[in-house]
Protein backbone atom coordinates (compact mmCIF):
# COMPACT_ATOMS: atom_id res chain seq x y z
CA UNK A 1 -39.28 229.06 -8.60
CA UNK A 2 -38.19 228.59 -4.99
CA UNK A 3 -35.68 230.98 -3.25
CA UNK A 4 -33.11 228.23 -3.39
CA UNK A 5 -33.66 227.87 -7.14
CA UNK A 6 -33.33 231.64 -7.54
CA UNK A 7 -30.09 231.76 -5.55
CA UNK A 8 -28.81 228.61 -7.42
CA UNK A 9 -29.35 230.33 -10.74
CA UNK A 10 -27.30 233.33 -9.52
CA UNK A 11 -24.55 231.05 -8.22
CA UNK A 12 -24.35 229.26 -11.52
CA UNK A 13 -23.58 232.58 -13.22
CA UNK A 14 -21.15 233.81 -10.52
CA UNK A 15 -19.46 230.65 -9.20
CA UNK A 16 -20.71 227.30 -10.52
CA UNK A 17 -18.14 225.29 -8.56
CA UNK A 18 -19.59 226.63 -5.25
CA UNK A 19 -22.93 224.79 -5.85
CA UNK A 20 -21.24 221.31 -5.61
CA UNK A 21 -19.80 222.28 -2.27
CA UNK A 22 -23.15 223.79 -1.09
CA UNK A 23 -25.06 220.62 -1.69
CA UNK A 24 -22.65 218.56 0.40
CA UNK A 25 -23.32 220.57 3.54
CA UNK A 26 -25.36 219.12 6.41
CA UNK A 27 -27.70 221.41 8.34
CA UNK A 28 -26.80 221.70 12.06
CA UNK A 29 -29.59 221.15 14.58
CA UNK A 30 -28.59 224.20 16.59
CA UNK A 31 -29.70 226.65 13.84
CA UNK A 32 -33.00 228.29 14.72
CA UNK A 33 -35.42 229.84 12.20
CA UNK A 34 -37.98 232.32 13.67
CA UNK A 35 -40.41 234.94 12.46
CA UNK A 36 -41.00 238.50 13.58
CA UNK A 37 -44.48 239.98 14.15
CA UNK A 38 -44.42 241.05 10.52
CA UNK A 39 -43.70 237.50 9.52
CA UNK A 40 -40.15 238.33 8.40
CA UNK A 41 -37.59 235.42 8.79
CA UNK A 42 -34.66 235.72 11.15
CA UNK A 43 -32.15 233.23 12.41
CA UNK A 44 -30.59 232.24 15.71
CA UNK A 45 -27.99 229.87 17.03
CA UNK A 46 -28.90 227.63 19.97
CA UNK A 47 -26.14 227.44 22.54
CA UNK A 48 -26.15 225.59 25.96
CA UNK A 49 -27.80 228.48 27.76
CA UNK A 50 -29.66 230.64 25.25
CA UNK A 51 -30.53 231.35 21.63
CA UNK A 52 -28.41 234.08 20.00
CA UNK A 53 -30.48 235.79 17.35
CA UNK A 54 -28.52 237.29 14.41
CA UNK A 55 -30.86 240.16 13.73
CA UNK A 56 -33.56 242.12 15.51
CA UNK A 57 -36.65 240.18 16.49
CA UNK A 58 -38.73 243.37 16.13
CA UNK A 59 -37.66 244.98 12.84
CA UNK A 60 -34.69 243.34 11.14
CA UNK A 61 -34.76 245.74 8.14
CA UNK A 62 -34.51 248.81 10.45
CA UNK A 63 -31.80 247.10 12.50
CA UNK A 64 -29.76 246.39 9.42
CA UNK A 65 -30.13 249.92 8.09
CA UNK A 66 -29.14 251.31 11.46
CA UNK A 67 -26.04 249.07 11.56
CA UNK A 68 -24.94 250.06 8.04
CA UNK A 69 -25.20 253.75 8.82
CA UNK A 70 -22.45 253.34 11.43
CA UNK A 71 -20.06 252.81 8.55
CA UNK A 72 -20.47 255.61 5.94
CA UNK A 73 -18.34 254.69 2.99
CA UNK A 74 -15.36 256.58 1.55
CA UNK A 75 -14.23 256.38 -2.07
CA UNK A 76 -12.25 253.15 -2.63
CA UNK A 77 -12.98 251.88 0.80
CA UNK A 78 -13.16 248.13 1.46
CA UNK A 79 -15.38 246.64 4.16
CA UNK A 80 -14.23 243.44 5.85
CA UNK A 81 -17.40 242.03 7.44
CA UNK A 82 -17.40 239.04 9.84
CA UNK A 83 -20.77 237.37 9.41
CA UNK A 84 -23.46 237.14 6.75
CA UNK A 85 -26.52 236.75 8.98
CA UNK A 86 -29.62 236.88 6.80
CA UNK A 87 -28.03 239.20 4.20
CA UNK A 88 -29.91 242.33 5.22
CA UNK A 89 -26.90 244.05 6.79
CA UNK A 90 -24.74 243.32 3.69
CA UNK A 91 -27.47 244.59 1.35
CA UNK A 92 -27.67 247.89 3.33
CA UNK A 93 -23.84 248.31 3.25
CA UNK A 94 -23.83 247.75 -0.52
CA UNK A 95 -26.71 250.20 -0.94
CA UNK A 96 -24.68 253.01 0.39
CA UNK A 97 -21.48 252.06 -1.59
CA UNK A 98 -20.34 253.07 -5.12
CA UNK A 99 -18.43 251.15 -7.74
CA UNK A 100 -15.09 251.91 -6.06
CA UNK A 101 -16.03 250.06 -2.88
CA UNK A 102 -15.53 246.35 -2.05
CA UNK A 103 -17.33 244.29 0.60
CA UNK A 104 -15.63 241.07 1.72
CA UNK A 105 -17.85 238.85 3.95
CA UNK A 106 -16.56 236.02 5.99
CA UNK A 107 -19.34 233.63 7.17
CA UNK A 108 -17.72 231.05 9.59
CA UNK A 109 -20.63 228.66 9.65
CA UNK A 110 -21.02 226.60 6.41
CA UNK A 111 -24.24 224.91 7.59
CA UNK A 112 -25.82 228.35 8.34
CA UNK A 113 -24.64 229.63 4.90
CA UNK A 114 -26.51 226.75 3.19
CA UNK A 115 -29.74 227.36 5.18
CA UNK A 116 -29.72 231.10 4.41
CA UNK A 117 -29.41 230.16 0.71
CA UNK A 118 -32.47 227.95 1.05
CA UNK A 119 -34.83 230.42 2.72
CA UNK A 120 -33.66 233.96 1.84
CA UNK A 121 -33.40 235.70 -1.41
CA UNK A 122 -29.64 236.42 -1.88
CA UNK A 123 -29.69 236.59 -5.66
CA UNK A 124 -29.02 240.36 -5.74
CA UNK A 125 -26.04 239.91 -3.42
CA UNK A 126 -24.63 236.99 -5.30
CA UNK A 127 -24.74 238.96 -8.57
CA UNK A 128 -23.01 242.01 -7.11
CA UNK A 129 -19.38 242.10 -8.29
CA UNK A 130 -18.45 244.42 -5.39
CA UNK A 131 -19.15 241.58 -2.94
CA UNK A 132 -17.00 238.56 -2.17
CA UNK A 133 -18.29 235.90 0.26
CA UNK A 134 -15.86 233.51 1.97
CA UNK A 135 -17.14 230.31 3.70
CA UNK A 136 -14.69 227.74 5.09
CA UNK A 137 -14.74 224.56 3.06
CA UNK A 138 -17.14 226.04 0.45
CA UNK A 139 -15.33 228.91 -1.26
CA UNK A 140 -11.66 229.84 -1.70
CA UNK A 141 -9.96 230.80 1.55
CA UNK A 142 -9.93 234.37 2.75
CA UNK A 143 -6.31 234.95 1.88
CA UNK A 144 -6.89 233.90 -1.77
CA UNK A 145 -10.00 236.11 -2.02
CA UNK A 146 -8.19 239.17 -0.60
CA UNK A 147 -5.16 238.57 -2.88
CA UNK A 148 -7.36 238.58 -6.05
CA UNK A 149 -9.92 241.20 -4.98
CA UNK A 150 -7.54 243.67 -3.38
CA UNK A 151 -4.57 243.47 -5.64
CA UNK A 152 -2.54 246.69 -5.49
CA UNK A 153 -5.10 248.32 -3.24
CA UNK A 154 -4.04 250.86 -0.56
CA UNK A 155 -5.05 249.08 2.62
CA UNK A 156 -5.30 252.33 4.64
CA UNK A 157 -8.86 252.75 3.31
CA UNK A 158 -10.65 249.90 4.96
CA UNK A 159 -13.17 249.15 7.68
CA UNK A 160 -13.69 246.13 9.97
CA UNK A 161 -17.30 245.18 10.72
CA UNK A 162 -18.63 242.42 12.96
CA UNK A 163 -22.23 241.57 12.72
CA UNK A 164 -24.28 241.34 16.01
CA UNK A 165 -23.67 238.06 17.96
CA UNK A 166 -20.89 236.76 15.77
CA UNK A 167 -17.98 237.84 17.96
CA UNK A 168 -19.55 235.86 20.85
CA UNK A 169 -20.56 232.81 18.86
CA UNK A 170 -17.51 232.46 16.79
CA UNK A 171 -14.78 234.20 18.79
CA UNK A 172 -11.81 232.12 17.61
CA UNK A 173 -12.86 232.36 13.98
CA UNK A 174 -13.27 236.10 14.34
CA UNK A 175 -9.73 236.49 15.63
CA UNK A 176 -8.51 234.29 12.81
CA UNK A 177 -10.32 236.51 10.30
CA UNK A 178 -8.69 239.63 11.77
CA UNK A 179 -5.32 237.92 11.81
CA UNK A 180 -5.65 236.99 8.10
CA UNK A 181 -6.28 240.60 7.20
CA UNK A 182 -3.36 241.71 9.18
CA UNK A 183 -1.15 239.15 7.51
CA UNK A 184 -2.30 240.36 4.12
CA UNK A 185 -1.38 243.93 5.14
CA UNK A 186 2.08 242.73 6.06
CA UNK A 187 2.35 240.78 2.86
CA UNK A 188 1.43 243.88 0.79
CA UNK A 189 4.06 245.94 2.71
CA UNK A 190 6.74 243.41 1.77
CA UNK A 191 5.64 243.03 -1.85
CA UNK A 192 5.43 246.82 -2.31
CA UNK A 193 8.98 247.17 -1.03
CA UNK A 194 10.12 244.37 -3.29
CA UNK A 195 8.45 245.81 -6.42
CA UNK A 196 9.91 249.21 -5.82
CA UNK A 197 13.34 247.76 -5.17
CA UNK A 198 13.46 245.53 -8.18
CA UNK A 199 11.09 247.28 -10.53
CA UNK A 200 13.35 246.93 -13.65
CA UNK A 201 15.30 243.87 -12.62
CA UNK A 202 12.28 241.67 -12.13
CA UNK A 203 10.84 242.07 -15.65
CA UNK A 204 14.31 241.82 -17.11
CA UNK A 205 14.78 238.45 -15.40
CA UNK A 206 11.32 237.40 -16.37
CA UNK A 207 12.06 238.03 -20.06
CA UNK A 208 15.34 236.02 -19.81
CA UNK A 209 13.64 233.14 -17.98
CA UNK A 210 10.71 233.01 -20.34
CA UNK A 211 13.20 232.39 -23.19
CA UNK A 212 15.46 230.14 -21.17
CA UNK A 213 12.75 227.84 -19.92
CA UNK A 214 11.84 226.71 -23.48
CA UNK A 215 14.81 224.26 -23.33
CA UNK A 216 14.28 223.23 -19.72
CA UNK A 217 11.94 221.15 -17.52
CA UNK A 218 9.35 221.92 -14.85
CA UNK A 219 8.54 220.54 -11.41
CA UNK A 220 5.44 218.76 -12.53
CA UNK A 221 7.72 216.31 -14.37
CA UNK A 222 9.48 215.58 -11.05
CA UNK A 223 6.13 214.83 -9.40
CA UNK A 224 5.22 212.43 -12.23
CA UNK A 225 8.61 210.69 -11.94
CA UNK A 226 8.19 210.13 -8.24
CA UNK A 227 4.75 208.51 -8.58
CA UNK A 228 4.69 205.01 -7.17
CA UNK A 229 7.65 205.51 -4.88
CA UNK A 230 5.42 206.09 -1.81
CA UNK A 231 7.22 209.42 -1.04
CA UNK A 232 4.70 209.99 1.86
CA UNK A 233 6.97 207.63 3.84
CA UNK A 234 10.27 209.36 2.87
CA UNK A 235 11.31 212.57 4.63
CA UNK A 236 12.17 215.74 2.77
CA UNK A 237 15.05 217.61 4.43
CA UNK A 238 14.89 221.36 3.71
CA UNK A 239 18.33 222.95 4.30
CA UNK A 240 18.36 226.75 4.84
CA UNK A 241 21.37 228.98 5.61
CA UNK A 242 20.83 229.93 9.24
CA UNK A 243 23.80 229.94 11.67
CA UNK A 244 22.72 226.72 13.40
CA UNK A 245 23.44 224.77 10.16
CA UNK A 246 27.13 224.67 11.16
CA UNK A 247 26.12 222.74 14.30
CA UNK A 248 24.62 219.64 12.70
CA UNK A 249 25.61 219.70 9.01
CA UNK A 250 27.85 216.62 9.53
CA UNK A 251 24.76 214.52 10.22
CA UNK A 252 23.22 215.33 6.79
CA UNK A 253 25.52 213.00 4.87
CA UNK A 254 23.93 209.99 6.65
CA UNK A 255 20.60 210.92 5.16
CA UNK A 256 21.83 211.09 1.53
CA UNK A 257 19.95 208.63 -0.74
CA UNK A 258 17.37 208.13 2.03
CA UNK A 259 15.68 211.48 1.97
CA UNK A 260 14.84 214.27 -0.49
CA UNK A 261 17.45 216.88 0.28
CA UNK A 262 16.54 220.40 -0.92
CA UNK A 263 19.08 223.09 -0.30
CA UNK A 264 18.60 226.85 -0.67
CA UNK A 265 21.33 228.61 -2.65
CA UNK A 266 22.86 230.40 0.34
CA UNK A 267 23.40 226.99 2.08
CA UNK A 268 24.91 225.28 -0.95
CA UNK A 269 28.51 225.96 -0.09
CA UNK A 270 28.18 224.60 3.41
CA UNK A 271 26.35 221.49 2.22
CA UNK A 272 28.89 220.64 -0.53
CA UNK A 273 31.77 221.28 1.86
CA UNK A 274 30.24 218.64 4.17
CA UNK A 275 30.40 216.10 1.33
CA UNK A 276 26.63 216.03 0.65
CA UNK A 277 25.18 216.08 -2.87
CA UNK A 278 21.74 217.76 -2.60
CA UNK A 279 18.87 216.41 -4.65
CA UNK A 280 17.67 219.87 -5.55
CA UNK A 281 18.88 223.48 -5.17
CA UNK A 282 16.40 226.35 -4.94
CA UNK A 283 17.37 229.72 -6.20
CA UNK A 284 14.82 232.56 -6.67
CA UNK A 285 16.63 235.66 -5.49
CA UNK A 286 17.12 238.17 -8.30
CA UNK A 287 20.37 239.20 -6.71
CA UNK A 288 21.90 235.92 -5.40
CA UNK A 289 25.51 236.85 -4.70
CA UNK A 290 28.39 235.26 -6.64
CA UNK A 291 29.80 234.17 -3.36
CA UNK A 292 27.14 231.51 -3.01
CA UNK A 293 28.57 229.66 -6.05
CA UNK A 294 32.18 230.69 -6.62
CA UNK A 295 34.60 227.76 -7.19
CA UNK A 296 31.91 225.14 -6.69
CA UNK A 297 31.22 222.26 -9.04
CA UNK A 298 27.39 222.48 -9.30
CA UNK A 299 26.51 222.07 -12.98
CA UNK A 300 25.27 218.50 -12.57
CA UNK A 301 22.78 219.35 -9.87
CA UNK A 302 18.99 219.76 -10.32
CA UNK A 303 17.83 223.36 -9.78
CA UNK A 304 14.42 224.79 -8.99
CA UNK A 305 13.89 228.27 -10.45
CA UNK A 306 11.14 230.78 -11.22
CA UNK A 307 10.75 233.92 -13.31
CA UNK A 308 12.98 236.12 -11.13
CA UNK A 309 15.97 233.77 -10.79
CA UNK A 310 19.17 235.62 -11.54
CA UNK A 311 20.26 234.90 -15.17
CA UNK A 312 23.99 234.78 -14.13
CA UNK A 313 23.24 231.74 -12.04
CA UNK A 314 21.59 229.97 -15.01
CA UNK A 315 24.41 230.84 -17.33
CA UNK A 316 27.27 229.81 -15.05
CA UNK A 317 25.89 227.22 -12.53
CA UNK A 318 22.48 225.78 -13.24
CA UNK A 319 22.33 223.48 -16.22
CA UNK A 320 19.51 221.04 -15.21
CA UNK A 321 16.72 223.53 -14.46
CA UNK A 322 13.11 222.89 -13.31
CA UNK A 323 10.80 225.82 -13.54
CA UNK A 324 7.51 226.65 -11.88
CA UNK A 325 5.21 229.62 -11.43
CA UNK A 326 3.61 232.62 -13.12
CA UNK A 327 5.61 234.43 -15.77
CA UNK A 328 3.23 236.53 -17.68
CA UNK A 329 -0.51 236.08 -18.30
CA UNK A 330 -0.38 235.35 -22.05
CA UNK A 331 2.84 233.36 -21.79
CA UNK A 332 1.42 231.05 -19.22
CA UNK A 333 -1.66 230.49 -21.39
CA UNK A 334 0.67 229.56 -24.25
CA UNK A 335 2.51 227.10 -22.00
CA UNK A 336 -0.75 225.50 -20.97
CA UNK A 337 -1.88 225.26 -24.58
CA UNK A 338 1.29 223.31 -25.47
CA UNK A 339 1.25 220.86 -22.56
CA UNK A 340 -1.11 218.04 -21.47
CA UNK A 341 -1.20 219.58 -17.97
CA UNK A 342 -1.34 223.14 -16.54
CA UNK A 343 2.04 224.68 -16.01
CA UNK A 344 2.88 224.01 -12.28
CA UNK A 345 2.83 226.56 -9.58
CA UNK A 346 3.48 226.54 -5.89
CA UNK A 347 2.68 229.15 -3.13
CA UNK A 348 5.12 231.91 -2.61
CA UNK A 349 6.22 232.83 0.89
CA UNK A 350 8.62 235.55 -0.41
CA UNK A 351 11.79 233.70 0.41
CA UNK A 352 13.73 230.75 -1.01
CA UNK A 353 13.22 228.68 2.16
CA UNK A 354 9.44 228.97 1.70
CA UNK A 355 9.91 227.85 -1.92
CA UNK A 356 11.78 224.67 -0.71
CA UNK A 357 8.95 223.99 1.72
CA UNK A 358 6.18 224.50 -0.86
CA UNK A 359 8.18 222.40 -3.41
CA UNK A 360 8.38 219.44 -0.99
CA UNK A 361 4.65 219.58 -0.37
CA UNK A 362 3.88 219.81 -4.07
CA UNK A 363 5.97 216.76 -4.87
CA UNK A 364 4.07 214.73 -2.33
CA UNK A 365 6.37 214.50 0.66
CA UNK A 366 4.51 214.52 4.00
CA UNK A 367 7.31 214.54 6.54
CA UNK A 368 9.19 217.76 6.27
CA UNK A 369 12.48 218.32 8.23
CA UNK A 370 13.87 221.78 8.67
CA UNK A 371 17.54 222.45 9.33
CA UNK A 372 19.34 225.78 9.23
CA UNK A 373 15.93 227.37 9.67
CA UNK A 374 16.92 229.74 12.49
CA UNK A 375 14.69 232.73 11.53
CA UNK A 376 16.82 234.67 13.99
CA UNK A 377 20.36 235.91 14.68
CA UNK A 378 21.33 232.90 16.73
CA UNK A 379 24.47 233.68 18.71
CA UNK A 380 24.57 237.07 17.13
CA UNK A 381 25.33 235.65 13.69
CA UNK A 382 23.22 236.08 10.58
CA UNK A 383 24.08 233.10 8.32
CA UNK A 384 26.02 229.85 8.05
CA UNK A 385 29.76 230.19 7.94
CA UNK A 386 29.77 228.81 4.41
CA UNK A 387 29.10 232.16 2.78
CA UNK A 388 31.67 234.39 4.39
CA UNK A 389 31.70 237.80 2.70
CA UNK A 390 28.33 237.51 0.99
CA UNK A 391 26.63 239.78 3.48
CA UNK A 392 29.63 241.76 4.77
CA UNK A 393 30.60 241.92 8.41
CA UNK A 394 27.95 240.12 10.53
CA UNK A 395 27.84 242.83 13.22
CA UNK A 396 27.43 245.55 10.64
CA UNK A 397 24.83 243.56 8.68
CA UNK A 398 22.76 242.81 11.82
CA UNK A 399 22.84 246.42 13.04
CA UNK A 400 21.47 247.54 9.63
CA UNK A 401 18.32 245.42 10.10
CA UNK A 402 14.95 246.41 11.52
CA UNK A 403 15.30 244.14 14.57
CA UNK A 404 12.68 242.71 16.87
CA UNK A 405 12.62 239.85 19.41
CA UNK A 406 11.16 236.35 19.10
CA UNK A 407 11.02 233.32 21.38
CA UNK A 408 13.80 230.78 20.75
CA UNK A 409 13.30 227.01 20.79
CA UNK A 410 14.62 226.94 24.41
CA UNK A 411 12.27 229.65 25.60
CA UNK A 412 14.81 232.45 25.62
CA UNK A 413 14.40 235.62 23.57
CA UNK A 414 16.38 236.04 20.38
CA UNK A 415 16.93 238.94 18.04
CA UNK A 416 15.50 238.71 14.52
CA UNK A 417 14.51 241.21 11.87
CA UNK A 418 11.07 242.08 10.41
CA UNK A 419 11.81 240.12 7.23
CA UNK A 420 12.68 236.86 9.03
CA UNK A 421 9.73 237.41 11.40
CA UNK A 422 7.42 237.69 8.41
CA UNK A 423 8.85 234.47 6.94
CA UNK A 424 8.38 232.70 10.25
CA UNK A 425 4.70 233.67 10.24
CA UNK A 426 4.38 232.31 6.70
CA UNK A 427 5.76 228.94 7.77
CA UNK A 428 3.40 228.84 10.71
CA UNK A 429 0.42 229.71 8.54
CA UNK A 430 1.47 227.08 5.93
CA UNK A 431 1.74 224.45 8.70
CA UNK A 432 -1.68 225.32 10.01
CA UNK A 433 -3.21 225.22 6.54
CA UNK A 434 -1.71 221.69 6.00
CA UNK A 435 -2.67 220.34 9.44
CA UNK A 436 -3.31 216.61 9.26
CA UNK A 437 -1.60 216.40 5.88
CA UNK A 438 2.00 216.98 6.74
CA UNK A 439 4.27 216.71 9.78
CA UNK A 440 6.97 219.33 10.16
CA UNK A 441 9.98 218.59 12.37
CA UNK A 442 12.29 221.43 13.28
CA UNK A 443 15.85 219.86 13.45
CA UNK A 444 17.64 223.22 13.28
CA UNK A 445 18.72 222.85 16.91
CA UNK A 446 18.70 226.59 17.42
CA UNK A 447 16.86 229.71 16.35
CA UNK A 448 13.33 230.90 16.70
CA UNK A 449 10.38 228.70 17.77
CA UNK A 450 8.19 227.89 14.84
CA UNK A 451 4.68 227.07 15.96
CA UNK A 452 3.31 223.76 14.70
CA UNK A 453 6.67 222.01 14.45
CA UNK A 454 8.03 219.15 16.55
CA UNK A 455 11.60 219.63 17.85
CA UNK A 456 14.21 216.90 17.26
CA UNK A 457 17.92 216.67 16.66
CA UNK A 458 18.95 215.89 13.11
CA UNK A 459 20.85 212.84 14.35
CA UNK A 460 17.59 211.42 15.79
CA UNK A 461 15.68 212.29 12.67
CA UNK A 462 18.12 210.41 10.50
CA UNK A 463 18.09 207.39 12.78
CA UNK A 464 14.26 207.21 13.04
CA UNK A 465 13.08 208.22 9.55
CA UNK A 466 15.87 207.86 7.01
CA UNK A 467 15.60 204.09 6.23
CA UNK A 468 13.89 203.85 2.86
CA UNK A 469 16.08 204.37 -0.24
CA UNK A 470 15.36 207.22 -2.60
CA UNK A 471 17.52 207.06 -5.75
CA UNK A 472 16.57 210.58 -6.79
CA UNK A 473 19.72 211.36 -8.82
CA UNK A 474 19.02 208.33 -11.04
CA UNK A 475 15.38 209.21 -11.41
CA UNK A 476 16.08 212.87 -12.19
CA UNK A 477 18.70 212.20 -14.85
CA UNK A 478 16.01 210.36 -16.91
CA UNK A 479 13.58 213.20 -16.96
CA UNK A 480 13.46 214.70 -20.57
CA UNK A 481 13.09 218.33 -21.55
CA UNK A 482 9.51 219.54 -21.15
CA UNK A 483 8.98 220.30 -24.85
CA UNK A 484 9.65 218.50 -28.10
CA UNK A 485 11.87 220.12 -30.69
CA UNK A 486 8.79 221.21 -32.67
CA UNK A 487 7.20 222.84 -29.63
CA UNK A 488 10.45 224.56 -28.72
CA UNK A 489 10.50 226.19 -32.15
CA UNK A 490 6.86 227.26 -31.69
CA UNK A 491 7.54 228.74 -28.22
CA UNK A 492 10.62 230.57 -29.54
CA UNK A 493 8.46 232.15 -32.24
CA UNK A 494 5.93 233.19 -29.62
CA UNK A 495 8.64 234.79 -27.55
CA UNK A 496 9.84 236.82 -30.52
CA UNK A 497 6.22 238.02 -31.13
CA UNK A 498 6.39 240.02 -27.93
CA UNK A 499 8.27 242.74 -29.78
CA UNK A 500 5.11 243.32 -31.78
CA UNK A 501 2.99 243.19 -28.73
CA UNK A 502 5.08 245.92 -27.12
CA UNK A 503 4.59 248.13 -30.19
CA UNK A 504 0.80 247.68 -29.75
CA UNK A 505 1.10 248.82 -26.12
CA UNK A 506 3.20 251.75 -27.12
CA UNK A 507 0.59 252.79 -29.69
CA UNK A 508 -2.19 252.45 -27.10
CA UNK A 509 -0.23 254.53 -24.57
CA UNK A 510 0.29 257.29 -27.12
CA UNK A 511 -3.45 257.34 -27.97
CA UNK A 512 -4.24 257.50 -24.27
CA UNK A 513 -1.92 260.47 -23.84
CA UNK A 514 -3.53 262.28 -26.71
CA UNK A 515 -7.01 261.63 -25.30
CA UNK A 516 -6.00 262.99 -21.90
CA UNK A 517 -4.24 266.06 -23.36
CA UNK A 518 -7.41 267.00 -25.25
CA UNK A 519 -9.53 266.39 -22.10
CA UNK A 520 -7.25 268.59 -19.97
CA UNK A 521 -7.49 271.38 -22.56
CA UNK A 522 -11.31 271.23 -22.39
CA UNK A 523 -11.34 271.10 -18.63
CA UNK A 524 -9.21 274.24 -18.50
CA UNK A 525 -11.75 275.97 -20.73
CA UNK A 526 -14.31 275.45 -17.97
CA UNK A 527 -16.40 273.00 -19.92
CA UNK A 528 -19.12 271.44 -17.76
CA UNK A 529 -18.86 267.86 -16.58
CA UNK A 530 -21.99 266.90 -18.55
CA UNK A 531 -20.32 268.11 -21.72
CA UNK A 532 -17.20 266.18 -20.97
CA UNK A 533 -18.79 262.91 -19.93
CA UNK A 534 -18.26 261.27 -23.39
CA UNK A 535 -14.54 262.16 -23.36
CA UNK A 536 -14.24 260.96 -19.77
CA UNK A 537 -15.86 257.69 -20.61
CA UNK A 538 -13.58 257.35 -23.63
CA UNK A 539 -10.55 257.83 -21.27
CA UNK A 540 -11.83 255.15 -18.91
CA UNK A 541 -12.66 252.70 -21.74
CA UNK A 542 -9.14 253.29 -23.16
CA UNK A 543 -7.63 252.50 -19.84
CA UNK A 544 -9.51 249.18 -19.71
CA UNK A 545 -8.47 248.34 -23.26
CA UNK A 546 -4.89 248.95 -22.43
CA UNK A 547 -5.06 246.68 -19.38
CA UNK A 548 -6.30 243.79 -21.53
CA UNK A 549 -3.28 243.85 -23.89
CA UNK A 550 -0.66 241.10 -23.69
CA UNK A 551 2.43 242.14 -21.65
CA UNK A 552 0.57 244.98 -19.95
CA UNK A 553 1.36 243.47 -16.55
CA UNK A 554 5.01 243.23 -17.45
CA UNK A 555 5.12 246.79 -18.76
CA UNK A 556 3.63 248.06 -15.51
CA UNK A 557 6.54 246.45 -13.64
CA UNK A 558 8.70 249.20 -15.12
CA UNK A 559 6.38 251.96 -13.85
CA UNK A 560 5.81 250.83 -10.22
CA UNK A 561 6.82 254.23 -8.86
CA UNK A 562 4.12 255.96 -10.87
CA UNK A 563 1.59 253.20 -10.10
CA UNK A 564 2.00 253.45 -6.44
CA UNK A 565 2.14 257.34 -6.48
CA UNK A 566 -1.25 257.39 -8.26
CA UNK A 567 -2.67 254.87 -5.89
CA UNK A 568 -1.51 256.78 -2.83
CA UNK A 569 -3.11 259.96 -4.14
CA UNK A 570 -6.41 258.46 -5.10
CA UNK A 571 -6.90 256.24 -2.03
CA UNK A 572 -5.74 258.76 0.58
CA UNK A 573 -7.27 261.96 -0.73
CA UNK A 574 -10.88 262.42 0.42
CA UNK A 575 -11.89 264.72 -2.45
CA UNK A 576 -10.27 264.95 -5.92
CA UNK A 577 -11.68 267.00 -8.78
CA UNK A 578 -11.99 265.59 -12.25
CA UNK A 579 -9.16 267.83 -13.66
CA UNK A 580 -6.77 266.60 -10.93
CA UNK A 581 -7.83 263.02 -11.50
CA UNK A 582 -7.08 263.35 -15.32
CA UNK A 583 -3.73 265.05 -14.54
CA UNK A 584 -2.74 262.13 -12.32
CA UNK A 585 -3.79 259.66 -14.99
CA UNK A 586 -1.77 261.61 -17.53
CA UNK A 587 1.31 261.38 -15.24
CA UNK A 588 0.80 257.64 -15.02
CA UNK A 589 0.67 257.38 -18.85
CA UNK A 590 3.91 259.29 -19.08
CA UNK A 591 5.36 256.59 -16.82
CA UNK A 592 3.91 253.96 -19.07
CA UNK A 593 5.52 255.63 -22.09
CA UNK A 594 8.98 255.39 -20.42
CA UNK A 595 8.13 251.83 -19.37
CA UNK A 596 7.43 250.77 -22.94
CA UNK A 597 10.78 252.20 -24.03
CA UNK A 598 12.62 250.24 -21.26
CA UNK A 599 10.73 247.04 -22.03
CA UNK A 600 11.59 247.38 -25.69
CA UNK A 601 15.27 247.78 -24.80
CA UNK A 602 15.24 244.65 -22.62
CA UNK A 603 13.52 242.44 -25.18
CA UNK A 604 16.01 243.44 -27.87
CA UNK A 605 18.86 242.78 -25.38
CA UNK A 606 17.75 239.11 -25.08
CA UNK A 607 16.46 238.66 -28.69
């Protein structure tokens, strides 16, 4: 068996899809393979002036060991490593780690990655669950890997490592790697704040929408209905609620029927007042103010919603609803089982404007026009004049924000807040990720400069691009409900089963509390760790069993305060004794017990 065969076998068990990508890679001529005096293989990269070797030419094993010792691990620490090299450095890092550690490796050169798989034994690394390897064009992107590997992790416990030579050879990619980690940090800060703010509201809305969606449609049906219309040639105009919307809203009516007009809920009043009927309204905020919709005739519009959409909007305004996204693990599995296609999802940027952008991309539109997308307090105003009163006095609202400055489209500096700055970064990242696939035109005519966009006036956009007809209203009215009457009955029965599933979680939580109470009593009697190992293992196994139960993720939404408190304690404290750890786990389970009670109340409320 060759080394490639050995690695191939390991990849088949770990990530079979990666092999197909691996075989399509062409080896670059500038990769050098050399041997040390001990006939150990090392690699180098030939540049114009010299060869950059990626490990020691004298003793690569010793060099790798020396490198790893610079980074002694802490419990729950994560290593972000730029460069794979020959695998020796990574093997040494893993050798000094325990099961609480993660190592995420970013290898920027796909050709080099293939060669290393051919001539080095990486099978032990491939099989190690603590290690994730990211290679552009071969694996999932770094953001996706971090999102799944580091979910709910405290990012204060991490280490950046750059292997020798990589920062010189791949300087831009190295900076991109560092930027991706920083963006993930910012994303986690925003998500943590959101979870703590809406910890009961989000699961309440999820329960409501899981039941409501049974009689509705989903956005995949729209994509199917648009097939054959060559939507790549038709612009999608994404209308947000920035203050510059008042400047050019009158031009939007000229685009009606010749563009796909998506409006965020906060801009709906301004758009309707201008005599424009939007093709779709996006609403995902769990607290969308009544002021957005008061005294508006909106029941015949198409609405894009997800699990956290405010139920009041669905009961009073949105009648033709198209859902997307993740609701709950088992529920999404049930949806997939009852459809001929996977339930659709689109990337989340944390705001309704990002949803409109992702929706247009998902539906196949390739020319995206932004209006009202200020991402700043243009002219000292926070929003379009169409929603007076929704955010209180503008001056007071703006002063309450965590403000920073950004460059405007005319080069001047504008005030924005951290939240809008974060959303601006999301748009710029999404535009970079779709380079060559989409063109994004900023026709806001004000606000912050969004990198990757082309500036135009809305008047010029309409004159140049809005020429092909798009009878979306007619198309949309003919889209049927997603499920047949028989399937609706089946899904309704599955929804009502959740009451039994919650009882199972409640039973498991009570059993866990009993296990931990007994363990704490024995610890206080000064029993040795060796004597307590069976009970400790039983506690850990019980935790894992609980996490596998249906609705566990939803139940945890009601106990976010306890979850984060435990994480902060474990990840930040250098030393924690077994008794203290069990006490913290016991406190978490008490939070779970309260969460089960709240979840039970909410299911019965919607039953």
